[in-house]
C-alpha cells in the first residue's frame, strides 16, 4: 500500500531537511537495521526477521493472497505496539520521517497509520535503497570539497588521543578508527565491540562529512586503505594522501606506556594476545613468534611491546608512510614529551590555533 503523493518526499529533499524531522523511523527488520540505517534513526519494525521470513515463505509456497493476509495482521499488530510504546506522548505537530527498503508497503503502512492519527508523517520515496545511492554518490565527491590535515606518527605516538582532544576543543575531526571500531592493525580489534558493516562505516563517514564546514580544516589520521575489515572510501583515501601532514612523535618509553594503557585488554589476557600474534607468523617466522608468545605468557609485556614496535610496527610504518602520503616529507613536526592529558591538550590547542 502506497500512501498518497503528498506524503512522499525524495531522498535529496529529506536529507537536506533532516533536522526538520522530530524522528526518523526505520520500519525494516532488526537485521536490516543493524546492517545500516540513516544515522539517528530508530527501529520500529513492522515485521521482525522471523515474521518477514514466514510471510515470504507463504508468498512463494502457498499464494500471494495468503501471504498478504498474514502480513497485514502482523503489520497492524506491530504498528499498534510501536504507537503504544513510543509515540503516545507525541504532540500533534510531531513530524516523523518513515522509510523501509524501497519506500513501499512497509513504510507506507506506518505512514498511513501515523497520518490517520493526525501527525504530518512523510514517507521516504525510494526508501533505504535511494538513501544508499545518495551516500555512495556523496562519498565520491564530498572529500574533494574539504581541506585535510593528516595526523601521522608511528604506532603508540598518540594519534587517536590527539584527535579525541581536537574533537573536545571543537575542531573538525574524522576518527576513522573510532568509526570503524578498530585500531587499524592486526592487534586492533576492540574487545566486545564488533566492527560495523561496510555500509554502516560509510554512513558514519558520510554523516560526519556532511556536517562539516568546508572553510575549516578536517583533522584525520594517516590510515591505510583498510581499517580492520573495512575499506576507506576511495575518494577520501585520495584526498588524505594528497593533504598536508602533521608528524606526531613520543619518546620510545612513553609509546610503550601508552600502548600498555590502550591495549590493556591484551595485557590482561595473554592468551588472546598470543592468538593474534599467530597472524604475524608469515612475516616473522615461528621462532620469533614463539618467543613473543612466551614473553606475553611470562608477563614481560613492556619488553614485548617494545620488540613489536622495533621489529614489526615501525618498519611497516616507515615503508608505507612516505610512499602513500605525498606531503609527508614536508610534515609539521609535533613532538610530545609525555602522555598526560595536559600534553595532548597543549598539542591540540597549538594545532587549532594555527587554523584560526
C-alpha atoms as a PDB file:
ATOM      1  CA  UNK A   1       0.000   0.000   0.000  1.00  0.00           C
ATOM      2  CA  UNK A   2       1.447   3.334  -1.030  1.00  0.00           C
ATOM      3  CA  UNK A   3       0.184   6.471   0.559  1.00  0.00           C
ATOM      4  CA  UNK A   4      -0.867   9.487  -1.484  1.00  0.00           C
ATOM      5  CA  UNK A   5       1.729  11.597  -3.273  1.00  0.00           C
ATOM      6  CA  UNK A   6       1.515  14.352  -0.672  1.00  0.00           C
ATOM      7  CA  UNK A   7       3.119  12.095   1.935  1.00  0.00           C
ATOM      8  CA  UNK A   8       6.142  11.201  -0.215  1.00  0.00           C
ATOM      9  CA  UNK A   9       9.453  13.017  -0.013  1.00  0.00           C
ATOM     10  CA  UNK A  10      12.565  12.404  -2.110  1.00  0.00           C
ATOM     11  CA  UNK A  11      15.832  11.323  -0.547  1.00  0.00           C
ATOM     12  CA  UNK A  12      17.645  14.501  -1.582  1.00  0.00           C
ATOM     13  CA  UNK A  13      14.972  16.726  -0.058  1.00  0.00           C
ATOM     14  CA  UNK A  14      14.601  14.624   3.071  1.00  0.00           C
ATOM     15  CA  UNK A  15      18.326  14.563   3.813  1.00  0.00           C
ATOM     16  CA  UNK A  16      18.637  18.281   3.124  1.00  0.00           C
ATOM     17  CA  UNK A  17      15.858  18.864   5.668  1.00  0.00           C
ATOM     18  CA  UNK A  18      16.731  16.040   8.054  1.00  0.00           C
ATOM     19  CA  UNK A  19      16.890  18.348  11.083  1.00  0.00           C
ATOM     20  CA  UNK A  20      13.284  19.394  10.460  1.00  0.00           C
ATOM     21  CA  UNK A  21      12.052  15.927  11.437  1.00  0.00           C
ATOM     22  CA  UNK A  22      11.383  15.072  15.062  1.00  0.00           C
ATOM     23  CA  UNK A  23      12.091  11.390  14.406  1.00  0.00           C
ATOM     24  CA  UNK A  24      13.393   9.196  11.609  1.00  0.00           C
ATOM     25  CA  UNK A  25      11.651   5.824  11.780  1.00  0.00           C
ATOM     26  CA  UNK A  26      13.171   2.777  10.089  1.00  0.00           C
ATOM     27  CA  UNK A  27      10.439   0.132   9.818  1.00  0.00           C
ATOM     28  CA  UNK A  28      12.663  -2.586   8.333  1.00  0.00           C
ATOM     29  CA  UNK A  29      13.516  -5.746  10.253  1.00  0.00           C
ATOM     30  CA  UNK A  30      16.096  -5.621  13.072  1.00  0.00           C
ATOM     31  CA  UNK A  31      18.751  -7.374  10.952  1.00  0.00           C
ATOM     32  CA  UNK A  32      18.319  -4.863   8.112  1.00  0.00           C
ATOM     33  CA  UNK A  33      18.553  -2.008  10.601  1.00  0.00           C
ATOM     34  CA  UNK A  34      21.657  -3.493  12.241  1.00  0.00           C
ATOM     35  CA  UNK A  35      23.483  -3.685   8.912  1.00  0.00           C
ATOM     36  CA  UNK A  36      22.965   0.006   8.207  1.00  0.00           C
ATOM     37  CA  UNK A  37      20.462   2.803   8.653  1.00  0.00           C
ATOM     38  CA  UNK A  38      20.140   6.543   8.354  1.00  0.00           C
ATOM     39  CA  UNK A  39      22.143   7.999  11.268  1.00  0.00           C
ATOM     40  CA  UNK A  40      19.866   8.852  14.162  1.00  0.00           C
ATOM     41  CA  UNK A  41      17.012   6.611  13.012  1.00  0.00           C
ATOM     42  CA  UNK A  42      15.066   4.438  15.448  1.00  0.00           C
ATOM     43  CA  UNK A  43      13.953   0.922  14.557  1.00  0.00           C
ATOM     44  CA  UNK A  44      10.209   0.199  14.716  1.00  0.00           C
ATOM     45  CA  UNK A  45       9.929  -2.918  12.538  1.00  0.00           C
ATOM     46  CA  UNK A  46       6.522  -3.592  11.040  1.00  0.00           C
ATOM     47  CA  UNK A  47       7.766  -7.168  10.520  1.00  0.00           C
ATOM     48  CA  UNK A  48      10.587  -8.688  12.533  1.00  0.00           C
ATOM     49  CA  UNK A  49      13.075 -11.057  10.900  1.00  0.00           C
ATOM     50  CA  UNK A  50      11.153 -14.245  11.676  1.00  0.00           C
ATOM     51  CA  UNK A  51       7.838 -12.734  10.593  1.00  0.00           C
ATOM     52  CA  UNK A  52       9.329 -11.425   7.376  1.00  0.00           C
ATOM     53  CA  UNK A  53      10.728 -14.887   6.569  1.00  0.00           C
ATOM     54  CA  UNK A  54       7.388 -16.520   7.368  1.00  0.00           C
ATOM     55  CA  UNK A  55       5.435 -14.156   5.112  1.00  0.00           C
ATOM     56  CA  UNK A  56       7.981 -14.583   2.326  1.00  0.00           C
ATOM     57  CA  UNK A  57       7.788 -18.371   2.514  1.00  0.00           C
ATOM     58  CA  UNK A  58       3.994 -18.247   2.424  1.00  0.00           C
ATOM     59  CA  UNK A  59       4.142 -15.940  -0.593  1.00  0.00           C
ATOM     60  CA  UNK A  60       6.327 -18.377  -2.547  1.00  0.00           C
ATOM     61  CA  UNK A  61       4.938 -21.719  -1.388  1.00  0.00           C
ATOM     62  CA  UNK A  62       1.205 -21.018  -0.995  1.00  0.00           C
ATOM     63  CA  UNK A  63      -0.033 -17.790  -2.568  1.00  0.00           C
ATOM     64  CA  UNK A  64       0.497 -14.028  -2.529  1.00  0.00           C
ATOM     65  CA  UNK A  65      -3.049 -13.578  -1.198  1.00  0.00           C
ATOM     66  CA  UNK A  66      -2.450 -15.775   1.846  1.00  0.00           C
ATOM     67  CA  UNK A  67       0.880 -14.035   2.469  1.00  0.00           C
ATOM     68  CA  UNK A  68      -0.773 -10.614   2.336  1.00  0.00           C
ATOM     69  CA  UNK A  69      -3.469 -11.666   4.818  1.00  0.00           C
ATOM     70  CA  UNK A  70      -0.903 -12.862   7.326  1.00  0.00           C
ATOM     71  CA  UNK A  71       1.370  -9.898   6.637  1.00  0.00           C
ATOM     72  CA  UNK A  72      -1.465  -7.423   7.198  1.00  0.00           C
ATOM     73  CA  UNK A  73      -2.311  -8.953  10.571  1.00  0.00           C
ATOM     74  CA  UNK A  74       1.314  -8.900  11.703  1.00  0.00           C
ATOM     75  CA  UNK A  75       1.979  -5.382  10.396  1.00  0.00           C
ATOM     76  CA  UNK A  76      -1.147  -3.999  12.076  1.00  0.00           C
ATOM     77  CA  UNK A  77      -0.189  -5.603  15.376  1.00  0.00           C
ATOM     78  CA  UNK A  78       3.404  -4.350  15.232  1.00  0.00           C
ATOM     79  CA  UNK A  79       2.432  -0.802  14.273  1.00  0.00           C
ATOM     80  CA  UNK A  80      -0.036  -0.710  17.157  1.00  0.00           C
ATOM     81  CA  UNK A  81       2.702  -1.846  19.539  1.00  0.00           C
ATOM     82  CA  UNK A  82       5.071   0.864  18.261  1.00  0.00           C
ATOM     83  CA  UNK A  83       2.428   3.561  18.650  1.00  0.00           C
ATOM     84  CA  UNK A  84       1.717   2.449  22.205  1.00  0.00           C
ATOM     85  CA  UNK A  85       5.370   2.051  23.162  1.00  0.00           C
ATOM     86  CA  UNK A  86       6.995   5.052  21.500  1.00  0.00           C
ATOM     87  CA  UNK A  87       4.519   7.618  20.195  1.00  0.00           C
ATOM     88  CA  UNK A  88       1.600   8.127  22.577  1.00  0.00           C
ATOM     89  CA  UNK A  89       3.308  11.086  24.249  1.00  0.00           C
ATOM     90  CA  UNK A  90       3.994  12.915  20.977  1.00  0.00           C
ATOM     91  CA  UNK A  91       2.155  16.202  20.320  1.00  0.00           C
ATOM     92  CA  UNK A  92       0.023  16.871  17.241  1.00  0.00           C
ATOM     93  CA  UNK A  93       2.838  18.765  15.483  1.00  0.00           C
ATOM     94  CA  UNK A  94       5.335  15.863  15.906  1.00  0.00           C
ATOM     95  CA  UNK A  95       6.811  15.302  12.444  1.00  0.00           C
ATOM     96  CA  UNK A  96       8.303  11.871  11.660  1.00  0.00           C
ATOM     97  CA  UNK A  97      10.050  10.610   8.525  1.00  0.00           C
ATOM     98  CA  UNK A  98       9.366   6.936   7.786  1.00  0.00           C
ATOM     99  CA  UNK A  99      11.298   4.605   5.499  1.00  0.00           C
ATOM    100  CA  UNK A 100      11.702   0.939   4.594  1.00  0.00           C
ATOM    101  CA  UNK A 101      13.763  -0.889   1.966  1.00  0.00           C
ATOM    102  CA  UNK A 102      12.241   0.632  -1.183  1.00  0.00           C
ATOM    103  CA  UNK A 103       9.658   3.057   0.161  1.00  0.00           C
ATOM    104  CA  UNK A 104       6.805   0.639  -0.441  1.00  0.00           C
ATOM    105  CA  UNK A 105       4.379  -1.381   1.633  1.00  0.00           C
ATOM    106  CA  UNK A 106       6.117  -1.391   4.999  1.00  0.00           C
ATOM    107  CA  UNK A 107       6.796   2.335   5.278  1.00  0.00           C
ATOM    108  CA  UNK A 108       3.520   3.079   3.527  1.00  0.00           C
ATOM    109  CA  UNK A 109       1.580   1.226   6.207  1.00  0.00           C
ATOM    110  CA  UNK A 110       3.304   3.038   9.080  1.00  0.00           C
ATOM    111  CA  UNK A 111       2.981   6.427   7.361  1.00  0.00           C
ATOM    112  CA  UNK A 112      -0.722   5.807   6.696  1.00  0.00           C
ATOM    113  CA  UNK A 113      -1.478   4.977  10.330  1.00  0.00           C
ATOM    114  CA  UNK A 114       0.538   7.902  11.705  1.00  0.00           C
ATOM    115  CA  UNK A 115      -1.154  10.220   9.215  1.00  0.00           C
ATOM    116  CA  UNK A 116      -4.613   8.990  10.163  1.00  0.00           C
ATOM    117  CA  UNK A 117      -3.809   9.717  13.805  1.00  0.00           C
ATOM    118  CA  UNK A 118      -3.075  13.290  12.767  1.00  0.00           C
ATOM    119  CA  UNK A 119       0.695  13.527  12.640  1.00  0.00           C
ATOM    120  CA  UNK A 120       2.263  15.075   9.489  1.00  0.00           C
ATOM    121  CA  UNK A 121       4.273  11.924   8.704  1.00  0.00           C
ATOM    122  CA  UNK A 122       6.282  11.742   5.497  1.00  0.00           C
ATOM    123  CA  UNK A 123       7.409   8.598   3.672  1.00  0.00           C
ATOM    124  CA  UNK A 124      10.863   8.409   2.102  1.00  0.00           C
ATOM    125  CA  UNK A 125      10.350   7.799  -1.590  1.00  0.00           C
ATOM    126  CA  UNK A 126      12.705   5.042  -2.731  1.00  0.00           C
ATOM    127  CA  UNK A 127      13.465   4.110   0.876  1.00  0.00           C
ATOM    128  CA  UNK A 128      16.822   2.843   2.067  1.00  0.00           C
ATOM    129  CA  UNK A 129      17.869   1.894  -1.478  1.00  0.00           C
ATOM    130  CA  UNK A 130      17.737   5.540  -2.576  1.00  0.00           C
ATOM    131  CA  UNK A 131      19.487   6.575   0.638  1.00  0.00           C
ATOM    132  CA  UNK A 132      22.369   4.212  -0.191  1.00  0.00           C
ATOM    133  CA  UNK A 133      22.596   5.614  -3.711  1.00  0.00           C
ATOM    134  CA  UNK A 134      22.761   9.101  -2.226  1.00  0.00           C
ATOM    135  CA  UNK A 135      25.539   8.102   0.228  1.00  0.00           C
ATOM    136  CA  UNK A 136      27.597   6.387  -2.483  1.00  0.00           C
ATOM    137  CA  UNK A 137      27.342   9.412  -4.768  1.00  0.00           C
ATOM    138  CA  UNK A 138      28.152  11.825  -1.935  1.00  0.00           C
ATOM    139  CA  UNK A 139      31.221   9.880  -0.779  1.00  0.00           C
ATOM    140  CA  UNK A 140      32.580  10.031  -4.323  1.00  0.00           C
ATOM    141  CA  UNK A 141      32.550  13.827  -4.378  1.00  0.00           C
ATOM    142  CA  UNK A 142      32.336  15.229  -0.826  1.00  0.00           C
ATOM    143  CA  UNK A 143      36.009  14.701   0.200  1.00  0.00           C
ATOM    144  CA  UNK A 144      37.223  16.945  -2.625  1.00  0.00           C
ATOM    145  CA  UNK A 145      35.327  19.878  -1.070  1.00  0.00           C
ATOM    146  CA  UNK A 146      37.423  19.844   2.103  1.00  0.00           C
ATOM    147  CA  UNK A 147      40.948  20.533   3.276  1.00  0.00           C
ATOM    148  CA  UNK A 148      42.511  17.814   5.435  1.00  0.00           C
ATOM    149  CA  UNK A 149      45.414  17.785   7.862  1.00  0.00           C
ATOM    150  CA  UNK A 150      46.654  14.221   8.228  1.00  0.00           C
ATOM    151  CA  UNK A 151      47.982  13.242  11.656  1.00  0.00           C
ATOM    152  CA  UNK A 152      50.856  10.822  11.090  1.00  0.00           C
ATOM    153  CA  UNK A 153      53.045   9.006  13.563  1.00  0.00           C
ATOM    154  CA  UNK A 154      54.348   5.591  14.463  1.00  0.00           C
ATOM    155  CA  UNK A 155      52.209   3.202  16.498  1.00  0.00           C
ATOM    156  CA  UNK A 156      51.825   4.453  20.058  1.00  0.00           C
ATOM    157  CA  UNK A 157      52.597   8.091  19.265  1.00  0.00           C
ATOM    158  CA  UNK A 158      49.161   9.207  20.448  1.00  0.00           C
ATOM    159  CA  UNK A 159      47.369   9.958  17.183  1.00  0.00           C
ATOM    160  CA  UNK A 160      43.964   8.819  18.418  1.00  0.00           C
ATOM    161  CA  UNK A 161      44.306  10.687  21.695  1.00  0.00           C
ATOM    162  CA  UNK A 162      45.225  13.852  19.829  1.00  0.00           C
ATOM    163  CA  UNK A 163      42.190  13.503  17.565  1.00  0.00           C
ATOM    164  CA  UNK A 164      39.958  12.978  20.598  1.00  0.00           C
ATOM    165  CA  UNK A 165      41.307  16.127  22.207  1.00  0.00           C
ATOM    166  CA  UNK A 166      40.893  18.102  18.991  1.00  0.00           C
ATOM    167  CA  UNK A 167      37.262  16.969  18.942  1.00  0.00           C
ATOM    168  CA  UNK A 168      36.769  18.131  22.537  1.00  0.00           C
ATOM    169  CA  UNK A 169      38.168  21.525  21.585  1.00  0.00           C
ATOM    170  CA  UNK A 170      35.676  21.901  18.742  1.00  0.00           C
ATOM    171  CA  UNK A 171      37.879  21.085  15.761  1.00  0.00           C
ATOM    172  CA  UNK A 172      36.522  19.144  12.793  1.00  0.00           C
ATOM    173  CA  UNK A 173      37.762  15.554  13.124  1.00  0.00           C
ATOM    174  CA  UNK A 174      37.138  12.285  11.330  1.00  0.00           C
ATOM    175  CA  UNK A 175      38.379   9.478  13.560  1.00  0.00           C
ATOM    176  CA  UNK A 176      38.286   6.516  11.179  1.00  0.00           C
ATOM    177  CA  UNK A 177      39.354   4.053  13.856  1.00  0.00           C
ATOM    178  CA  UNK A 178      36.507   5.148  16.110  1.00  0.00           C
ATOM    179  CA  UNK A 179      34.001   4.970  13.243  1.00  0.00           C
ATOM    180  CA  UNK A 180      35.307   1.516  12.307  1.00  0.00           C
ATOM    181  CA  UNK A 181      35.564   0.235  15.911  1.00  0.00           C
ATOM    182  CA  UNK A 182      39.115  -0.919  15.214  1.00  0.00           C
ATOM    183  CA  UNK A 183      42.621   0.391  15.872  1.00  0.00           C
ATOM    184  CA  UNK A 184      43.830  -0.402  12.407  1.00  0.00           C
ATOM    185  CA  UNK A 185      46.365  -3.198  12.960  1.00  0.00           C
ATOM    186  CA  UNK A 186      46.488  -6.944  13.460  1.00  0.00           C
ATOM    187  CA  UNK A 187      46.044  -6.285  17.193  1.00  0.00           C
ATOM    188  CA  UNK A 188      43.476  -3.554  16.625  1.00  0.00           C
ATOM    189  CA  UNK A 189      40.173  -5.318  17.243  1.00  0.00           C
ATOM    190  CA  UNK A 190      38.305  -3.893  20.224  1.00  0.00           C
ATOM    191  CA  UNK A 191      37.064  -6.291  22.923  1.00  0.00           C
ATOM    192  CA  UNK A 192      33.315  -6.853  22.905  1.00  0.00           C
ATOM    193  CA  UNK A 193      32.794  -4.280  20.140  1.00  0.00           C
ATOM    194  CA  UNK A 194      32.442  -5.835  16.685  1.00  0.00           C
ATOM    195  CA  UNK A 195      33.154  -3.748  13.645  1.00  0.00           C
ATOM    196  CA  UNK A 196      30.133  -2.270  11.865  1.00  0.00           C
ATOM    197  CA  UNK A 197      29.217  -3.376   8.367  1.00  0.00           C
ATOM    198  CA  UNK A 198      30.923  -1.680   5.423  1.00  0.00           C
ATOM    199  CA  UNK A 199      27.664   0.157   4.688  1.00  0.00           C
ATOM    200  CA  UNK A 200      27.382   1.403   8.264  1.00  0.00           C
ATOM    201  CA  UNK A 201      31.013   2.562   8.195  1.00  0.00           C
ATOM    202  CA  UNK A 202      30.303   4.539   5.033  1.00  0.00           C
ATOM    203  CA  UNK A 203      27.142   6.017   6.549  1.00  0.00           C
ATOM    204  CA  UNK A 204      29.146   7.201   9.542  1.00  0.00           C
ATOM    205  CA  UNK A 205      31.765   8.842   7.327  1.00  0.00           C
ATOM    206  CA  UNK A 206      29.086  10.482   5.154  1.00  0.00           C
ATOM    207  CA  UNK A 207      27.265  11.753   8.247  1.00  0.00           C
ATOM    208  CA  UNK A 208      30.472  13.295   9.612  1.00  0.00           C
ATOM    209  CA  UNK A 209      31.441  14.955   6.330  1.00  0.00           C
ATOM    210  CA  UNK A 210      28.023  16.418   5.608  1.00  0.00           C
ATOM    211  CA  UNK A 211      28.033  18.219   8.949  1.00  0.00           C
ATOM    212  CA  UNK A 212      31.377  19.931   8.413  1.00  0.00           C
ATOM    213  CA  UNK A 213      32.220  23.439   7.208  1.00  0.00           C
ATOM    214  CA  UNK A 214      34.336  23.367   4.017  1.00  0.00           C
ATOM    215  CA  UNK A 215      36.015  26.596   5.161  1.00  0.00           C
ATOM    216  CA  UNK A 216      37.562  24.785   8.135  1.00  0.00           C
ATOM    217  CA  UNK A 217      40.237  22.095   8.008  1.00  0.00           C
ATOM    218  CA  UNK A 218      39.438  18.475   8.952  1.00  0.00           C
ATOM    219  CA  UNK A 219      41.940  16.533  11.053  1.00  0.00           C
ATOM    220  CA  UNK A 220      42.210  12.843  10.168  1.00  0.00           C
ATOM    221  CA  UNK A 221      44.661  10.016  10.904  1.00  0.00           C
ATOM    222  CA  UNK A 222      47.000   8.517   8.302  1.00  0.00           C
ATOM    223  CA  UNK A 223      45.145   5.246   7.924  1.00  0.00           C
ATOM    224  CA  UNK A 224      45.792   2.611   5.294  1.00  0.00           C
ATOM    225  CA  UNK A 225      43.099   1.647   2.802  1.00  0.00           C
ATOM    226  CA  UNK A 226      41.573  -0.770   5.294  1.00  0.00           C
ATOM    227  CA  UNK A 227      40.749  -0.313   8.961  1.00  0.00           C
ATOM    228  CA  UNK A 228      40.368  -3.855  10.194  1.00  0.00           C
ATOM    229  CA  UNK A 229      37.974  -5.463   7.716  1.00  0.00           C
ATOM    230  CA  UNK A 230      36.557  -2.168   6.455  1.00  0.00           C
ATOM    231  CA  UNK A 231      37.645  -0.237   3.396  1.00  0.00           C
ATOM    232  CA  UNK A 232      38.068   3.538   3.458  1.00  0.00           C
ATOM    233  CA  UNK A 233      36.141   5.112   0.535  1.00  0.00           C
ATOM    234  CA  UNK A 234      38.421   5.755  -2.442  1.00  0.00           C
ATOM    235  CA  UNK A 235      37.759   9.491  -2.768  1.00  0.00           C
ATOM    236  CA  UNK A 236      38.507  10.068   0.916  1.00  0.00           C
ATOM    237  CA  UNK A 237      41.676   7.989   0.672  1.00  0.00           C
ATOM    238  CA  UNK A 238      42.844  10.025  -2.324  1.00  0.00           C
ATOM    239  CA  UNK A 239      42.155  13.323  -0.547  1.00  0.00           C
ATOM    240  CA  UNK A 240      44.010  12.174   2.565  1.00  0.00           C
ATOM    241  CA  UNK A 241      47.070  11.044   0.659  1.00  0.00           C
ATOM    242  CA  UNK A 242      47.386  14.381  -1.117  1.00  0.00           C
ATOM    243  CA  UNK A 243      46.984  16.501   2.037  1.00  0.00           C
ATOM    244  CA  UNK A 244      49.448  18.257   4.372  1.00  0.00           C
ATOM    245  CA  UNK A 245      50.745  16.103   7.211  1.00  0.00           C
ATOM    246  CA  UNK A 246      51.492  16.505  10.916  1.00  0.00           C
ATOM    247  CA  UNK A 247      54.173  14.144  12.205  1.00  0.00           C
ATOM    248  CA  UNK A 248      53.474  13.290  15.841  1.00  0.00           C
ATOM    249  CA  UNK A 249      56.197  11.738  17.978  1.00  0.00           C
ATOM    250  CA  UNK A 250      56.798  10.485  21.524  1.00  0.00           C
ATOM    251  CA  UNK A 251      59.859   9.062  23.305  1.00  0.00           C
ATOM    252  CA  UNK A 252      60.021   5.291  22.972  1.00  0.00           C
ATOM    253  CA  UNK A 253      59.330   4.543  26.628  1.00  0.00           C
ATOM    254  CA  UNK A 254      56.241   6.801  26.522  1.00  0.00           C
ATOM    255  CA  UNK A 255      54.985   4.993  23.429  1.00  0.00           C
ATOM    256  CA  UNK A 256      55.271   1.697  25.274  1.00  0.00           C
ATOM    257  CA  UNK A 257      53.400   3.150  28.259  1.00  0.00           C
ATOM    258  CA  UNK A 258      50.625   4.488  26.029  1.00  0.00           C
ATOM    259  CA  UNK A 259      50.191   1.143  24.301  1.00  0.00           C
ATOM    260  CA  UNK A 260      50.092  -0.680  27.625  1.00  0.00           C
ATOM    261  CA  UNK A 261      47.162   1.575  28.547  1.00  0.00           C
ATOM    262  CA  UNK A 262      45.339   1.394  25.224  1.00  0.00           C
ATOM    263  CA  UNK A 263      45.763  -2.349  24.861  1.00  0.00           C
ATOM    264  CA  UNK A 264      45.081  -3.268  28.493  1.00  0.00           C
ATOM    265  CA  UNK A 265      42.712  -5.998  27.306  1.00  0.00           C
ATOM    266  CA  UNK A 266      45.681  -7.835  25.776  1.00  0.00           C
ATOM    267  CA  UNK A 267      47.931  -7.085  28.748  1.00  0.00           C
ATOM    268  CA  UNK A 268      45.308  -8.710  30.969  1.00  0.00           C
ATOM    269  CA  UNK A 269      44.669 -11.627  28.623  1.00  0.00           C
ATOM    270  CA  UNK A 270      47.946 -13.024  27.226  1.00  0.00           C
ATOM    271  CA  UNK A 271      46.065 -15.926  25.612  1.00  0.00           C
ATOM    272  CA  UNK A 272      44.059 -13.566  23.421  1.00  0.00           C
ATOM    273  CA  UNK A 273      47.217 -11.658  22.528  1.00  0.00           C
ATOM    274  CA  UNK A 274      49.023 -14.866  21.575  1.00  0.00           C
ATOM    275  CA  UNK A 275      46.174 -15.860  19.292  1.00  0.00           C
ATOM    276  CA  UNK A 276      46.581 -12.574  17.437  1.00  0.00           C
ATOM    277  CA  UNK A 277      50.366 -12.920  17.340  1.00  0.00           C
ATOM    278  CA  UNK A 278      49.902 -16.134  15.378  1.00  0.00           C
ATOM    279  CA  UNK A 279      48.733 -13.914  12.500  1.00  0.00           C
ATOM    280  CA  UNK A 280      52.260 -12.487  12.256  1.00  0.00           C
ATOM    281  CA  UNK A 281      53.965 -15.866  11.765  1.00  0.00           C
ATOM    282  CA  UNK A 282      54.266 -15.459   7.994  1.00  0.00           C
ATOM    283  CA  UNK A 283      56.103 -12.152   8.459  1.00  0.00           C
ATOM    284  CA  UNK A 284      58.350 -13.027  11.393  1.00  0.00           C
ATOM    285  CA  UNK A 285      58.682 -16.812  11.441  1.00  0.00           C
ATOM    286  CA  UNK A 286      57.784 -19.420  14.021  1.00  0.00           C
ATOM    287  CA  UNK A 287      60.810 -18.897  16.236  1.00  0.00           C
ATOM    288  CA  UNK A 288      60.270 -15.172  16.853  1.00  0.00           C
ATOM    289  CA  UNK A 289      56.517 -15.553  17.302  1.00  0.00           C
ATOM    290  CA  UNK A 290      57.016 -18.361  19.807  1.00  0.00           C
ATOM    291  CA  UNK A 291      59.445 -16.171  21.771  1.00  0.00           C
ATOM    292  CA  UNK A 292      56.998 -13.264  21.738  1.00  0.00           C
ATOM    293  CA  UNK A 293      54.236 -15.541  22.959  1.00  0.00           C
ATOM    294  CA  UNK A 294      56.427 -16.771  25.784  1.00  0.00           C
ATOM    295  CA  UNK A 295      57.118 -13.151  26.753  1.00  0.00           C
ATOM    296  CA  UNK A 296      53.376 -12.478  26.859  1.00  0.00           C
ATOM    297  CA  UNK A 297      52.696 -15.558  28.975  1.00  0.00           C
ATOM    298  CA  UNK A 298      55.505 -14.741  31.413  1.00  0.00           C
ATOM    299  CA  UNK A 299      54.275 -11.170  31.915  1.00  0.00           C
ATOM    300  CA  UNK A 300      57.139  -9.421  30.121  1.00  0.00           C
ATOM    301  CA  UNK A 301      54.662  -7.125  28.409  1.00  0.00           C
ATOM    302  CA  UNK A 302      56.691  -3.855  28.286  1.00  0.00           C
ATOM    303  CA  UNK A 303      59.613  -5.655  26.661  1.00  0.00           C
ATOM    304  CA  UNK A 304      57.261  -7.417  24.247  1.00  0.00           C
ATOM    305  CA  UNK A 305      55.568  -4.154  23.262  1.00  0.00           C
ATOM    306  CA  UNK A 306      58.942  -2.560  22.563  1.00  0.00           C
ATOM    307  CA  UNK A 307      60.030  -5.505  20.413  1.00  0.00           C
ATOM    308  CA  UNK A 308      56.770  -5.339  18.456  1.00  0.00           C
ATOM    309  CA  UNK A 309      57.421  -1.654  17.810  1.00  0.00           C
ATOM    310  CA  UNK A 310      61.040  -2.139  16.757  1.00  0.00           C
ATOM    311  CA  UNK A 311      60.615  -5.276  14.632  1.00  0.00           C
ATOM    312  CA  UNK A 312      57.052  -5.003  13.309  1.00  0.00           C
ATOM    313  CA  UNK A 313      55.161  -1.734  13.587  1.00  0.00           C
ATOM    314  CA  UNK A 314      57.891   0.858  12.989  1.00  0.00           C
ATOM    315  CA  UNK A 315      59.405  -0.783   9.888  1.00  0.00           C
ATOM    316  CA  UNK A 316      55.948  -1.251   8.371  1.00  0.00           C
ATOM    317  CA  UNK A 317      55.053   2.373   9.087  1.00  0.00           C
ATOM    318  CA  UNK A 318      58.268   3.750   7.629  1.00  0.00           C
ATOM    319  CA  UNK A 319      57.870   1.649   4.483  1.00  0.00           C
ATOM    320  CA  UNK A 320      54.383   2.908   3.808  1.00  0.00           C
ATOM    321  CA  UNK A 321      54.087   6.489   5.013  1.00  0.00           C
ATOM    322  CA  UNK A 322      56.374   8.262   2.538  1.00  0.00           C
ATOM    323  CA  UNK A 323      55.154   6.079  -0.311  1.00  0.00           C
ATOM    324  CA  UNK A 324      51.483   6.766   0.317  1.00  0.00           C
ATOM    325  CA  UNK A 325      51.315  10.329   1.673  1.00  0.00           C
ATOM    326  CA  UNK A 326      52.823  12.701  -0.843  1.00  0.00           C
ATOM    327  CA  UNK A 327      53.378  15.627   1.565  1.00  0.00           C
ATOM    328  CA  UNK A 328      54.847  13.658   4.447  1.00  0.00           C
ATOM    329  CA  UNK A 329      58.343  14.877   3.580  1.00  0.00           C
ATOM    330  CA  UNK A 330      57.229  18.404   4.458  1.00  0.00           C
ATOM    331  CA  UNK A 331      55.217  17.382   7.538  1.00  0.00           C
ATOM    332  CA  UNK A 332      54.905  19.716  10.508  1.00  0.00           C
ATOM    333  CA  UNK A 333      56.825  18.134  13.398  1.00  0.00           C
ATOM    334  CA  UNK A 334      54.927  17.867  16.686  1.00  0.00           C
ATOM    335  CA  UNK A 335      56.917  16.235  19.487  1.00  0.00           C
ATOM    336  CA  UNK A 336      55.219  15.354  22.774  1.00  0.00           C
ATOM    337  CA  UNK A 337      57.239  14.818  25.941  1.00  0.00           C
ATOM    338  CA  UNK A 338      54.686  12.631  27.731  1.00  0.00           C
ATOM    339  CA  UNK A 339      51.216  11.101  27.524  1.00  0.00           C
ATOM    340  CA  UNK A 340      49.413  13.137  30.165  1.00  0.00           C
ATOM    341  CA  UNK A 341      46.122  14.839  29.361  1.00  0.00           C
ATOM    342  CA  UNK A 342      47.923  18.178  29.602  1.00  0.00           C
ATOM    343  CA  UNK A 343      50.345  17.178  26.839  1.00  0.00           C
ATOM    344  CA  UNK A 344      47.539  16.360  24.412  1.00  0.00           C
ATOM    345  CA  UNK A 345      45.529  19.447  25.399  1.00  0.00           C
ATOM    346  CA  UNK A 346      48.531  21.656  24.645  1.00  0.00           C
ATOM    347  CA  UNK A 347      49.195  19.931  21.313  1.00  0.00           C
ATOM    348  CA  UNK A 348      45.566  20.217  20.249  1.00  0.00           C
ATOM    349  CA  UNK A 349      45.441  23.893  21.185  1.00  0.00           C
ATOM    350  CA  UNK A 350      48.575  24.543  19.144  1.00  0.00           C
ATOM    351  CA  UNK A 351      47.111  22.881  16.065  1.00  0.00           C
ATOM    352  CA  UNK A 352      43.734  24.546  16.464  1.00  0.00           C
ATOM    353  CA  UNK A 353      45.336  27.983  16.902  1.00  0.00           C
ATOM    354  CA  UNK A 354      47.211  27.563  13.631  1.00  0.00           C
ATOM    355  CA  UNK A 355      43.897  27.211  11.789  1.00  0.00           C
ATOM    356  CA  UNK A 356      42.498  30.498  13.059  1.00  0.00           C
END
